[in-house]
Amino acid sequence: MNGEFNRIAQDFAQSRHLHHTDVQALVAILDGDGHGGAMTPGLLRERLNLTSGAVTACLDRLERAGHIRRTRDTADRRVVHLHYAPKAKAVARAFFQPLARGTDAARARFTEDELSVVIRFLTAMNDELAVLHGEPTPDEPPVPGRP
């Protein structure tokens, strides 16, 4: 499933003349900071595990191509917020609409109880993968010196 999602994302990247990293950045920007706020270059760097220079190059490409816009925080002009440009968001929405319909169709074939088991399984898998990657799980305290 992850491979198929990656292929679809790669098709989108190729159709828009983007790098795979650019698409990952667009998804992160669309998701924001995860707490209802806008994504920032620093948070994007952490999320994608890139260098500052790589993030700057990625954001420059995306901005030149009209996919994102950068705005300064009104309270602190040093803070830059990243936003998905409305026209680009509409293009992405149109491209990924069949995926959304397919996801909805697959989900509709299962009961809420069945989906609950799937969610528990996927959560457990993500927790195990996070441990392998060196990240603490949600119920595990961070280990000093470990990311």
N, C-alpha and C. Protein backbone atom coordinates (compact mmCIF):
# COMPACT_ATOMS: atom_id res chain seq x y z
N MET A 1 0.83 -1.18 0.00
CA MET A 1 0.00 0.00 0.00
C MET A 1 0.88 1.26 0.00
N ASN A 2 1.90 1.26 0.84
CA ASN A 2 2.80 2.41 0.88
C ASN A 2 3.48 2.61 -0.47
N GLY A 3 3.85 1.50 -1.11
CA GLY A 3 4.46 1.58 -2.44
C GLY A 3 3.53 2.21 -3.45
N GLU A 4 2.25 1.84 -3.41
CA GLU A 4 1.27 2.41 -4.34
C GLU A 4 1.06 3.90 -4.07
N PHE A 5 0.98 4.27 -2.79
CA PHE A 5 0.86 5.69 -2.47
C PHE A 5 2.07 6.47 -2.99
N ASN A 6 3.25 5.88 -2.83
CA ASN A 6 4.47 6.54 -3.32
C ASN A 6 4.45 6.68 -4.84
N ARG A 7 3.95 5.66 -5.54
CA ARG A 7 3.88 5.74 -7.01
C ARG A 7 2.91 6.85 -7.45
N ILE A 8 1.79 6.96 -6.76
CA ILE A 8 0.83 8.02 -7.09
C ILE A 8 1.46 9.38 -6.83
N ALA A 9 2.15 9.52 -5.71
CA ALA A 9 2.83 10.78 -5.40
C ALA A 9 3.90 11.09 -6.45
N GLN A 10 4.62 10.06 -6.89
CA GLN A 10 5.64 10.25 -7.92
C GLN A 10 5.01 10.65 -9.26
N ASP A 11 3.86 10.08 -9.59
CA ASP A 11 3.14 10.48 -10.80
C ASP A 11 2.76 11.96 -10.73
N PHE A 12 2.29 12.39 -9.55
CA PHE A 12 1.94 13.80 -9.37
C PHE A 12 3.19 14.67 -9.54
N ALA A 13 4.29 14.24 -8.91
CA ALA A 13 5.53 15.00 -9.00
C ALA A 13 5.96 15.14 -10.46
N GLN A 14 5.95 14.05 -11.20
CA GLN A 14 6.36 14.11 -12.60
C GLN A 14 5.43 14.97 -13.44
N SER A 15 4.13 14.88 -13.16
CA SER A 15 3.17 15.65 -13.95
C SER A 15 3.30 17.15 -13.70
N ARG A 16 3.84 17.53 -12.55
CA ARG A 16 4.00 18.95 -12.19
C ARG A 16 5.47 19.38 -12.27
N HIS A 17 6.35 18.49 -12.76
CA HIS A 17 7.80 18.77 -12.87
C HIS A 17 8.40 19.10 -11.50
N LEU A 18 8.07 18.28 -10.51
CA LEU A 18 8.55 18.47 -9.15
C LEU A 18 9.46 17.32 -8.74
N HIS A 19 10.30 17.57 -7.75
CA HIS A 19 11.08 16.52 -7.12
C HIS A 19 10.17 15.79 -6.13
N HIS A 20 10.54 14.56 -5.78
CA HIS A 20 9.78 13.81 -4.79
C HIS A 20 9.77 14.56 -3.46
N THR A 21 10.89 15.15 -3.10
CA THR A 21 10.97 15.93 -1.86
C THR A 21 10.01 17.11 -1.89
N ASP A 22 9.83 17.71 -3.07
CA ASP A 22 8.89 18.83 -3.20
C ASP A 22 7.48 18.39 -2.83
N VAL A 23 7.10 17.20 -3.28
CA VAL A 23 5.76 16.69 -2.98
C VAL A 23 5.63 16.42 -1.48
N GLN A 24 6.67 15.86 -0.89
CA GLN A 24 6.64 15.64 0.57
C GLN A 24 6.48 16.97 1.30
N ALA A 25 7.17 18.00 0.82
CA ALA A 25 7.06 19.33 1.43
C ALA A 25 5.65 19.87 1.26
N LEU A 26 5.06 19.70 0.09
CA LEU A 26 3.70 20.18 -0.14
C LEU A 26 2.71 19.52 0.81
N VAL A 27 2.86 18.22 1.01
CA VAL A 27 1.97 17.51 1.94
C VAL A 27 2.15 18.06 3.35
N ALA A 28 3.39 18.27 3.76
CA ALA A 28 3.64 18.81 5.10
C ALA A 28 3.08 20.22 5.24
N ILE A 29 3.24 21.03 4.20
CA ILE A 29 2.71 22.40 4.24
C ILE A 29 1.19 22.37 4.32
N LEU A 30 0.58 21.47 3.58
CA LEU A 30 -0.88 21.34 3.62
C LEU A 30 -1.35 20.94 5.02
N ASP A 31 -0.61 20.04 5.66
CA ASP A 31 -0.95 19.59 7.01
C ASP A 31 -0.66 20.65 8.06
N GLY A 32 0.19 21.61 7.74
CA GLY A 32 0.56 22.65 8.71
C GLY A 32 1.43 22.09 9.81
N ASP A 33 1.37 22.71 10.96
CA ASP A 33 2.23 22.30 12.06
C ASP A 33 1.64 21.16 12.88
N GLY A 34 0.48 20.67 12.47
CA GLY A 34 -0.17 19.58 13.20
C GLY A 34 -1.01 20.05 14.36
N HIS A 35 -0.99 21.35 14.63
CA HIS A 35 -1.76 21.91 15.74
C HIS A 35 -2.64 23.06 15.26
N GLY A 36 -2.96 23.08 13.97
CA GLY A 36 -3.82 24.12 13.44
C GLY A 36 -3.09 25.36 12.97
N GLY A 37 -1.79 25.37 13.08
CA GLY A 37 -0.99 26.51 12.64
C GLY A 37 -0.30 26.23 11.33
N ALA A 38 0.31 27.26 10.78
CA ALA A 38 1.01 27.12 9.51
C ALA A 38 2.38 26.46 9.70
N MET A 39 2.84 25.82 8.67
CA MET A 39 4.17 25.23 8.65
C MET A 39 5.20 26.35 8.55
N THR A 40 6.37 26.13 9.16
CA THR A 40 7.49 27.06 9.04
C THR A 40 8.66 26.33 8.40
N PRO A 41 9.62 27.04 7.82
CA PRO A 41 10.78 26.37 7.23
C PRO A 41 11.53 25.49 8.24
N GLY A 42 11.67 25.95 9.47
CA GLY A 42 12.37 25.16 10.49
C GLY A 42 11.65 23.87 10.81
N LEU A 43 10.34 23.95 10.95
CA LEU A 43 9.55 22.75 11.23
C LEU A 43 9.57 21.81 10.03
N LEU A 44 9.54 22.37 8.83
CA LEU A 44 9.62 21.55 7.62
C LEU A 44 10.96 20.82 7.55
N ARG A 45 12.02 21.51 7.92
CA ARG A 45 13.35 20.89 7.95
C ARG A 45 13.36 19.69 8.87
N GLU A 46 12.77 19.86 10.06
CA GLU A 46 12.69 18.75 11.00
C GLU A 46 11.81 17.62 10.48
N ARG A 47 10.66 17.97 9.94
CA ARG A 47 9.70 16.98 9.48
C ARG A 47 10.28 16.13 8.35
N LEU A 48 11.02 16.77 7.42
CA LEU A 48 11.56 16.04 6.27
C LEU A 48 13.00 15.58 6.47
N ASN A 49 13.58 15.95 7.62
CA ASN A 49 14.97 15.57 7.93
C ASN A 49 15.93 16.05 6.85
N LEU A 50 15.82 17.34 6.53
CA LEU A 50 16.67 17.95 5.51
C LEU A 50 17.55 19.03 6.13
N THR A 51 18.57 19.43 5.41
CA THR A 51 19.40 20.54 5.85
C THR A 51 18.67 21.85 5.57
N SER A 52 19.11 22.90 6.21
CA SER A 52 18.51 24.22 5.97
C SER A 52 18.62 24.61 4.50
N GLY A 53 19.79 24.34 3.90
CA GLY A 53 20.00 24.67 2.49
C GLY A 53 19.07 23.90 1.57
N ALA A 54 18.85 22.62 1.89
CA ALA A 54 17.95 21.80 1.06
C ALA A 54 16.51 22.30 1.18
N VAL A 55 16.11 22.71 2.38
CA VAL A 55 14.75 23.25 2.56
C VAL A 55 14.61 24.55 1.78
N THR A 56 15.61 25.41 1.86
CA THR A 56 15.55 26.68 1.13
C THR A 56 15.43 26.43 -0.37
N ALA A 57 16.23 25.52 -0.89
CA ALA A 57 16.17 25.20 -2.33
C ALA A 57 14.80 24.66 -2.71
N CYS A 58 14.26 23.78 -1.88
CA CYS A 58 12.93 23.19 -2.13
C CYS A 58 11.87 24.28 -2.12
N LEU A 59 11.89 25.13 -1.12
CA LEU A 59 10.89 26.20 -1.02
C LEU A 59 11.02 27.19 -2.16
N ASP A 60 12.24 27.48 -2.56
CA ASP A 60 12.45 28.37 -3.71
C ASP A 60 11.83 27.78 -4.97
N ARG A 61 12.04 26.47 -5.21
CA ARG A 61 11.45 25.81 -6.38
C ARG A 61 9.94 25.86 -6.32
N LEU A 62 9.38 25.53 -5.16
CA LEU A 62 7.92 25.51 -5.02
C LEU A 62 7.31 26.89 -5.16
N GLU A 63 7.99 27.90 -4.65
CA GLU A 63 7.47 29.26 -4.77
C GLU A 63 7.55 29.75 -6.21
N ARG A 64 8.67 29.50 -6.88
CA ARG A 64 8.82 29.89 -8.29
C ARG A 64 7.76 29.24 -9.16
N ALA A 65 7.42 27.99 -8.86
CA ALA A 65 6.44 27.25 -9.66
C ALA A 65 5.00 27.60 -9.27
N GLY A 66 4.82 28.45 -8.26
CA GLY A 66 3.48 28.88 -7.88
C GLY A 66 2.74 27.93 -6.95
N HIS A 67 3.46 26.99 -6.33
CA HIS A 67 2.81 26.02 -5.45
C HIS A 67 2.61 26.53 -4.04
N ILE A 68 3.52 27.38 -3.58
CA ILE A 68 3.41 27.88 -2.22
C ILE A 68 3.62 29.38 -2.20
N ARG A 69 3.29 29.96 -1.06
CA ARG A 69 3.66 31.35 -0.80
C ARG A 69 4.17 31.42 0.63
N ARG A 70 5.09 32.34 0.83
CA ARG A 70 5.65 32.56 2.16
C ARG A 70 5.10 33.89 2.69
N THR A 71 4.73 33.88 3.95
CA THR A 71 4.28 35.12 4.58
C THR A 71 5.03 35.30 5.89
N ARG A 72 5.18 36.53 6.29
CA ARG A 72 5.83 36.85 7.56
C ARG A 72 4.78 36.92 8.66
N ASP A 73 5.13 36.46 9.82
CA ASP A 73 4.25 36.54 10.98
C ASP A 73 4.07 38.02 11.34
N THR A 74 2.84 38.39 11.63
CA THR A 74 2.59 39.80 11.95
C THR A 74 3.18 40.21 13.29
N ALA A 75 3.25 39.29 14.23
CA ALA A 75 3.79 39.60 15.56
C ALA A 75 5.32 39.56 15.58
N ASP A 76 5.91 38.66 14.80
CA ASP A 76 7.36 38.51 14.77
C ASP A 76 7.79 38.33 13.32
N ARG A 77 8.24 39.39 12.70
CA ARG A 77 8.58 39.39 11.27
C ARG A 77 9.69 38.40 10.91
N ARG A 78 10.42 37.90 11.89
CA ARG A 78 11.47 36.91 11.61
C ARG A 78 10.88 35.55 11.28
N VAL A 79 9.65 35.29 11.72
CA VAL A 79 8.99 34.00 11.51
C VAL A 79 8.31 34.00 10.15
N VAL A 80 8.61 32.96 9.38
CA VAL A 80 8.02 32.79 8.05
C VAL A 80 7.02 31.63 8.11
N HIS A 81 5.84 31.86 7.57
CA HIS A 81 4.82 30.82 7.47
C HIS A 81 4.70 30.39 6.01
N LEU A 82 4.51 29.09 5.82
CA LEU A 82 4.40 28.53 4.47
C LEU A 82 2.95 28.15 4.21
N HIS A 83 2.45 28.54 3.06
CA HIS A 83 1.06 28.28 2.70
C HIS A 83 1.00 27.68 1.29
N TYR A 84 0.11 26.72 1.14
CA TYR A 84 -0.15 26.13 -0.17
C TYR A 84 -0.94 27.16 -0.97
N ALA A 85 -0.47 27.53 -2.16
CA ALA A 85 -1.18 28.51 -2.99
C ALA A 85 -2.52 27.95 -3.43
N PRO A 86 -3.59 28.75 -3.39
CA PRO A 86 -4.93 28.25 -3.72
C PRO A 86 -5.03 27.56 -5.08
N LYS A 87 -4.45 28.14 -6.14
CA LYS A 87 -4.53 27.50 -7.46
C LYS A 87 -3.82 26.15 -7.47
N ALA A 88 -2.66 26.09 -6.83
CA ALA A 88 -1.91 24.84 -6.77
C ALA A 88 -2.66 23.79 -5.95
N LYS A 89 -3.31 24.24 -4.89
CA LYS A 89 -4.09 23.32 -4.07
C LYS A 89 -5.24 22.72 -4.88
N ALA A 90 -5.85 23.54 -5.73
CA ALA A 90 -6.95 23.04 -6.58
C ALA A 90 -6.43 22.01 -7.58
N VAL A 91 -5.23 22.22 -8.12
CA VAL A 91 -4.63 21.26 -9.05
C VAL A 91 -4.35 19.94 -8.34
N ALA A 92 -3.78 20.03 -7.14
CA ALA A 92 -3.49 18.82 -6.37
C ALA A 92 -4.77 18.09 -6.00
N ARG A 93 -5.78 18.86 -5.59
CA ARG A 93 -7.06 18.25 -5.22
C ARG A 93 -7.64 17.48 -6.40
N ALA A 94 -7.60 18.07 -7.58
CA ALA A 94 -8.13 17.40 -8.77
C ALA A 94 -7.34 16.13 -9.08
N PHE A 95 -6.02 16.19 -8.94
CA PHE A 95 -5.17 15.03 -9.23
C PHE A 95 -5.46 13.89 -8.26
N PHE A 96 -5.60 14.23 -6.97
CA PHE A 96 -5.73 13.20 -5.94
C PHE A 96 -7.18 12.81 -5.64
N GLN A 97 -8.14 13.43 -6.31
CA GLN A 97 -9.55 13.11 -6.09
C GLN A 97 -9.85 11.62 -6.31
N PRO A 98 -9.33 11.00 -7.38
CA PRO A 98 -9.58 9.56 -7.55
C PRO A 98 -9.03 8.72 -6.39
N LEU A 99 -7.89 9.12 -5.84
CA LEU A 99 -7.34 8.41 -4.69
C LEU A 99 -8.27 8.54 -3.49
N ALA A 100 -8.80 9.73 -3.27
CA ALA A 100 -9.73 9.95 -2.15
C ALA A 100 -10.99 9.11 -2.34
N ARG A 101 -11.51 9.07 -3.57
CA ARG A 101 -12.70 8.26 -3.83
C ARG A 101 -12.40 6.77 -3.60
N GLY A 102 -11.25 6.33 -4.05
CA GLY A 102 -10.87 4.92 -3.85
C GLY A 102 -10.70 4.58 -2.38
N THR A 103 -10.10 5.49 -1.63
CA THR A 103 -9.93 5.28 -0.19
C THR A 103 -11.29 5.19 0.50
N ASP A 104 -12.19 6.10 0.13
CA ASP A 104 -13.54 6.08 0.70
C ASP A 104 -14.26 4.78 0.33
N ALA A 105 -14.12 4.33 -0.91
CA ALA A 105 -14.79 3.10 -1.35
C ALA A 105 -14.26 1.90 -0.58
N ALA A 106 -12.94 1.83 -0.39
CA ALA A 106 -12.37 0.70 0.36
C ALA A 106 -12.84 0.73 1.81
N ARG A 107 -12.84 1.91 2.42
CA ARG A 107 -13.25 2.05 3.81
C ARG A 107 -14.72 1.66 3.98
N ALA A 108 -15.55 1.96 3.01
CA ALA A 108 -16.98 1.67 3.10
C ALA A 108 -17.27 0.17 3.13
N ARG A 109 -16.31 -0.64 2.72
CA ARG A 109 -16.52 -2.09 2.71
C ARG A 109 -16.27 -2.74 4.07
N PHE A 110 -15.95 -1.93 5.08
CA PHE A 110 -15.65 -2.47 6.41
C PHE A 110 -16.55 -1.83 7.46
N THR A 111 -16.83 -2.60 8.49
CA THR A 111 -17.62 -2.08 9.60
C THR A 111 -16.72 -1.20 10.48
N GLU A 112 -17.36 -0.44 11.35
CA GLU A 112 -16.59 0.40 12.29
C GLU A 112 -15.71 -0.46 13.19
N ASP A 113 -16.21 -1.62 13.61
CA ASP A 113 -15.41 -2.51 14.45
C ASP A 113 -14.19 -3.03 13.70
N GLU A 114 -14.39 -3.40 12.44
CA GLU A 114 -13.26 -3.88 11.63
C GLU A 114 -12.23 -2.76 11.45
N LEU A 115 -12.70 -1.57 11.17
CA LEU A 115 -11.78 -0.44 11.00
C LEU A 115 -11.04 -0.13 12.28
N SER A 116 -11.68 -0.30 13.41
CA SER A 116 -11.03 -0.09 14.70
C SER A 116 -9.84 -1.02 14.87
N VAL A 117 -10.00 -2.27 14.46
CA VAL A 117 -8.89 -3.23 14.54
C VAL A 117 -7.77 -2.81 13.59
N VAL A 118 -8.12 -2.39 12.40
CA VAL A 118 -7.11 -1.94 11.43
C VAL A 118 -6.34 -0.75 11.99
N ILE A 119 -7.04 0.18 12.58
CA ILE A 119 -6.39 1.37 13.14
C ILE A 119 -5.46 0.97 14.28
N ARG A 120 -5.91 0.06 15.13
CA ARG A 120 -5.03 -0.41 16.23
C ARG A 120 -3.78 -1.05 15.66
N PHE A 121 -3.95 -1.88 14.63
CA PHE A 121 -2.80 -2.54 14.01
C PHE A 121 -1.84 -1.53 13.40
N LEU A 122 -2.36 -0.59 12.62
CA LEU A 122 -1.49 0.40 11.97
C LEU A 122 -0.80 1.29 12.99
N THR A 123 -1.48 1.63 14.07
CA THR A 123 -0.86 2.41 15.14
C THR A 123 0.28 1.63 15.78
N ALA A 124 0.04 0.34 16.05
CA ALA A 124 1.10 -0.50 16.62
C ALA A 124 2.29 -0.61 15.66
N MET A 125 2.02 -0.75 14.37
CA MET A 125 3.11 -0.82 13.38
C MET A 125 3.89 0.49 13.35
N ASN A 126 3.19 1.61 13.36
CA ASN A 126 3.88 2.91 13.37
C ASN A 126 4.73 3.07 14.63
N ASP A 127 4.22 2.62 15.77
CA ASP A 127 4.99 2.69 17.01
C ASP A 127 6.27 1.85 16.89
N GLU A 128 6.15 0.65 16.34
CA GLU A 128 7.33 -0.22 16.18
C GLU A 128 8.34 0.39 15.21
N LEU A 129 7.85 0.96 14.11
CA LEU A 129 8.74 1.60 13.15
C LEU A 129 9.43 2.82 13.76
N ALA A 130 8.70 3.56 14.59
CA ALA A 130 9.30 4.72 15.25
C ALA A 130 10.43 4.28 16.18
N VAL A 131 10.25 3.17 16.88
CA VAL A 131 11.29 2.66 17.76
C VAL A 131 12.53 2.29 16.93
N LEU A 132 12.32 1.65 15.79
CA LEU A 132 13.45 1.29 14.92
C LEU A 132 14.18 2.52 14.41
N HIS A 133 13.42 3.59 14.23
CA HIS A 133 13.98 4.85 13.73
C HIS A 133 14.60 5.65 14.87
N GLY A 134 14.40 5.21 16.10
CA GLY A 134 14.98 5.90 17.24
C GLY A 134 14.09 6.96 17.85
N GLU A 135 12.80 6.96 17.50
CA GLU A 135 11.87 7.92 18.07
C GLU A 135 11.09 7.26 19.20
N PRO A 136 10.78 8.01 20.25
CA PRO A 136 9.96 7.41 21.32
C PRO A 136 8.52 7.23 20.83
N THR A 137 7.88 6.20 21.31
CA THR A 137 6.47 6.00 20.99
C THR A 137 5.66 6.96 21.85
N PRO A 138 4.37 7.17 21.53
CA PRO A 138 3.56 8.13 22.29
C PRO A 138 3.54 7.88 23.80
N ASP A 139 3.63 6.61 24.22
CA ASP A 139 3.58 6.33 25.66
C ASP A 139 4.96 6.01 26.24
N GLU A 140 6.03 6.31 25.50
CA GLU A 140 7.39 6.07 25.95
C GLU A 140 8.08 7.42 26.16
N PRO A 141 8.69 7.63 27.33
CA PRO A 141 9.37 8.91 27.53
C PRO A 141 10.61 9.00 26.64
N PRO A 142 10.95 10.21 26.19
CA PRO A 142 12.15 10.38 25.38
C PRO A 142 13.40 9.99 26.15
N VAL A 143 14.36 9.42 25.46
CA VAL A 143 15.63 9.05 26.07
C VAL A 143 16.62 10.18 25.81
N PRO A 144 17.27 10.70 26.86
CA PRO A 144 18.24 11.79 26.63
C PRO A 144 19.31 11.37 25.63
N GLY A 145 19.60 12.29 24.70
CA GLY A 145 20.61 12.02 23.69
C GLY A 145 20.10 11.28 22.49
N ARG A 146 18.83 10.85 22.51
CA ARG A 146 18.23 10.15 21.38
C ARG A 146 17.19 11.08 20.77
N PRO A 147 17.20 11.21 19.41
CA PRO A 147 16.22 12.11 18.79
C PRO A 147 14.78 11.72 19.04
